[in-house]
Amino acid sequence: MKLTVEISKYPLHQDYIPFIKDFIDRLNEHKELKVITNTLSTQVFGDYDTVMAVLSAEIKRSYEQFGKAIFVCKFLYGDLSPQD
């Protein structure tokens, strides 16, 4: 089963850009996922189990490394990525 997730991260820190960039960079290291980033959010596309496992690990890592942050996620059934 395929899954699409739209994520916005809001670090509770004055210097927030490095916190967001680090999270996006780590998502992009997972070659089995398709990751598209724009100015408002990051979209992640892939197999349901893979996407959920990666997000669980990377969100946990963000909390451990950087502390408090808010993640707003929208989960949509299927792969809604733009077709290249």
C-alpha atoms as a PDB file:
ATOM      1  CA  MET A   1       0.000   0.000   0.000  1.00  0.00           C
ATOM      2  CA  LYS A   2       1.282   3.454  -0.887  1.00  0.00           C
ATOM      3  CA  LEU A   3       1.130   6.528   1.348  1.00  0.00           C
ATOM      4  CA  THR A   4       1.539  10.273   0.937  1.00  0.00           C
ATOM      5  CA  VAL A   5       2.404  12.443   3.942  1.00  0.00           C
ATOM      6  CA  GLU A   6       2.634  16.216   4.063  1.00  0.00           C
ATOM      7  CA  ILE A   7       4.743  17.429   6.998  1.00  0.00           C
ATOM      8  CA  SER A   8       5.386  20.854   8.471  1.00  0.00           C
ATOM      9  CA  LYS A   9       7.904  21.142  11.303  1.00  0.00           C
ATOM     10  CA  TYR A  10       7.875  24.057  13.735  1.00  0.00           C
ATOM     11  CA  PRO A  11      10.877  23.957  16.077  1.00  0.00           C
ATOM     12  CA  LEU A  12      10.297  25.869  19.287  1.00  0.00           C
ATOM     13  CA  HIS A  13      13.625  27.628  18.938  1.00  0.00           C
ATOM     14  CA  GLN A  14      14.573  31.102  17.758  1.00  0.00           C
ATOM     15  CA  ASP A  15      17.117  29.803  15.213  1.00  0.00           C
ATOM     16  CA  TYR A  16      14.700  27.350  13.578  1.00  0.00           C
ATOM     17  CA  ILE A  17      16.076  26.946  10.028  1.00  0.00           C
ATOM     18  CA  PRO A  18      18.929  24.490  10.867  1.00  0.00           C
ATOM     19  CA  PHE A  19      16.458  22.310  12.789  1.00  0.00           C
ATOM     20  CA  ILE A  20      14.125  22.068   9.790  1.00  0.00           C
ATOM     21  CA  LYS A  21      16.941  21.612   7.276  1.00  0.00           C
ATOM     22  CA  ASP A  22      18.444  18.759   9.281  1.00  0.00           C
ATOM     23  CA  PHE A  23      15.111  16.908   9.350  1.00  0.00           C
ATOM     24  CA  ILE A  24      14.616  17.327   5.589  1.00  0.00           C
ATOM     25  CA  ASP A  25      18.201  16.261   4.853  1.00  0.00           C
ATOM     26  CA  ARG A  26      17.705  13.094   6.901  1.00  0.00           C
ATOM     27  CA  LEU A  27      14.473  12.270   5.046  1.00  0.00           C
ATOM     28  CA  ASN A  28      16.312  12.664   1.744  1.00  0.00           C
ATOM     29  CA  GLU A  29      18.872  10.050   2.834  1.00  0.00           C
ATOM     30  CA  HIS A  30      16.167   7.376   2.553  1.00  0.00           C
ATOM     31  CA  LYS A  31      16.381   6.531  -1.158  1.00  0.00           C
ATOM     32  CA  GLU A  32      13.304   4.299  -0.988  1.00  0.00           C
ATOM     33  CA  LEU A  33      11.173   7.423  -0.407  1.00  0.00           C
ATOM     34  CA  LYS A  34      10.334  10.264  -2.735  1.00  0.00           C
ATOM     35  CA  VAL A  35      10.688  13.585  -0.885  1.00  0.00           C
ATOM     36  CA  ILE A  36       9.551  16.939  -2.278  1.00  0.00           C
ATOM     37  CA  THR A  37      10.102  20.137  -0.290  1.00  0.00           C
ATOM     38  CA  ASN A  38       8.618  23.583  -0.812  1.00  0.00           C
ATOM     39  CA  THR A  39       8.506  26.723   1.329  1.00  0.00           C
ATOM     40  CA  LEU A  40       5.537  25.530   3.399  1.00  0.00           C
ATOM     41  CA  SER A  41       5.962  21.787   3.829  1.00  0.00           C
ATOM     42  CA  THR A  42       7.656  18.572   2.832  1.00  0.00           C
ATOM     43  CA  GLN A  43       5.805  15.792   1.065  1.00  0.00           C
ATOM     44  CA  VAL A  44       6.920  12.183   1.509  1.00  0.00           C
ATOM     45  CA  PHE A  45       5.756   9.391  -0.807  1.00  0.00           C
ATOM     46  CA  GLY A  46       6.356   5.660  -0.569  1.00  0.00           C
ATOM     47  CA  ASP A  47       5.322   2.313   0.820  1.00  0.00           C
ATOM     48  CA  TYR A  48       3.117   2.729   3.902  1.00  0.00           C
ATOM     49  CA  ASP A  49       5.254   0.659   6.272  1.00  0.00           C
ATOM     50  CA  THR A  50       8.484   2.269   5.089  1.00  0.00           C
ATOM     51  CA  VAL A  51       7.146   5.835   5.342  1.00  0.00           C
ATOM     52  CA  MET A  52       5.767   5.246   8.827  1.00  0.00           C
ATOM     53  CA  ALA A  53       8.976   3.596  10.072  1.00  0.00           C
ATOM     54  CA  VAL A  54      11.164   6.396   8.678  1.00  0.00           C
ATOM     55  CA  LEU A  55       8.935   9.143  10.084  1.00  0.00           C
ATOM     56  CA  SER A  56       8.809   7.480  13.486  1.00  0.00           C
ATOM     57  CA  ALA A  57      12.598   7.205  13.644  1.00  0.00           C
ATOM     58  CA  GLU A  58      13.331  10.672  12.268  1.00  0.00           C
ATOM     59  CA  ILE A  59      10.767  12.501  14.402  1.00  0.00           C
ATOM     60  CA  LYS A  60      12.113  10.737  17.478  1.00  0.00           C
ATOM     61  CA  ARG A  61      15.671  11.674  16.471  1.00  0.00           C
ATOM     62  CA  SER A  62      14.588  15.316  16.039  1.00  0.00           C
ATOM     63  CA  TYR A  63      13.193  15.396  19.555  1.00  0.00           C
ATOM     64  CA  GLU A  64      16.305  13.766  20.990  1.00  0.00           C
ATOM     65  CA  GLN A  65      18.696  16.120  19.164  1.00  0.00           C
ATOM     66  CA  PHE A  66      16.861  19.419  19.221  1.00  0.00           C
ATOM     67  CA  GLY A  67      14.173  19.237  21.877  1.00  0.00           C
ATOM     68  CA  LYS A  68      10.712  20.687  21.510  1.00  0.00           C
ATOM     69  CA  ALA A  69       9.104  20.976  18.100  1.00  0.00           C
ATOM     70  CA  ILE A  70       5.665  20.728  16.596  1.00  0.00           C
ATOM     71  CA  PHE A  71       5.053  18.395  13.666  1.00  0.00           C
ATOM     72  CA  VAL A  72       1.871  18.862  11.645  1.00  0.00           C
ATOM     73  CA  CYS A  73       1.243  15.873   9.386  1.00  0.00           C
ATOM     74  CA  LYS A  74      -1.440  15.025   6.848  1.00  0.00           C
ATOM     75  CA  PHE A  75      -1.687  11.382   5.798  1.00  0.00           C
ATOM     76  CA  LEU A  76      -3.282  10.525   2.460  1.00  0.00           C
ATOM     77  CA  TYR A  77      -3.913   7.091   1.031  1.00  0.00           C
ATOM     78  CA  GLY A  78      -1.965   6.357  -2.154  1.00  0.00           C
ATOM     79  CA  ASP A  79       0.987   7.869  -3.952  1.00  0.00           C
ATOM     80  CA  LEU A  80      -0.099  11.366  -4.928  1.00  0.00           C
ATOM     81  CA  SER A  81       3.359  12.461  -6.090  1.00  0.00           C
ATOM     82  CA  PRO A  82       3.626  14.393  -9.338  1.00  0.00           C
ATOM     83  CA  GLN A  83       4.438  11.986 -12.128  1.00  0.00           C
ATOM     84  CA  ASP A  84       7.748  12.886 -13.758  1.00  0.00           C
END
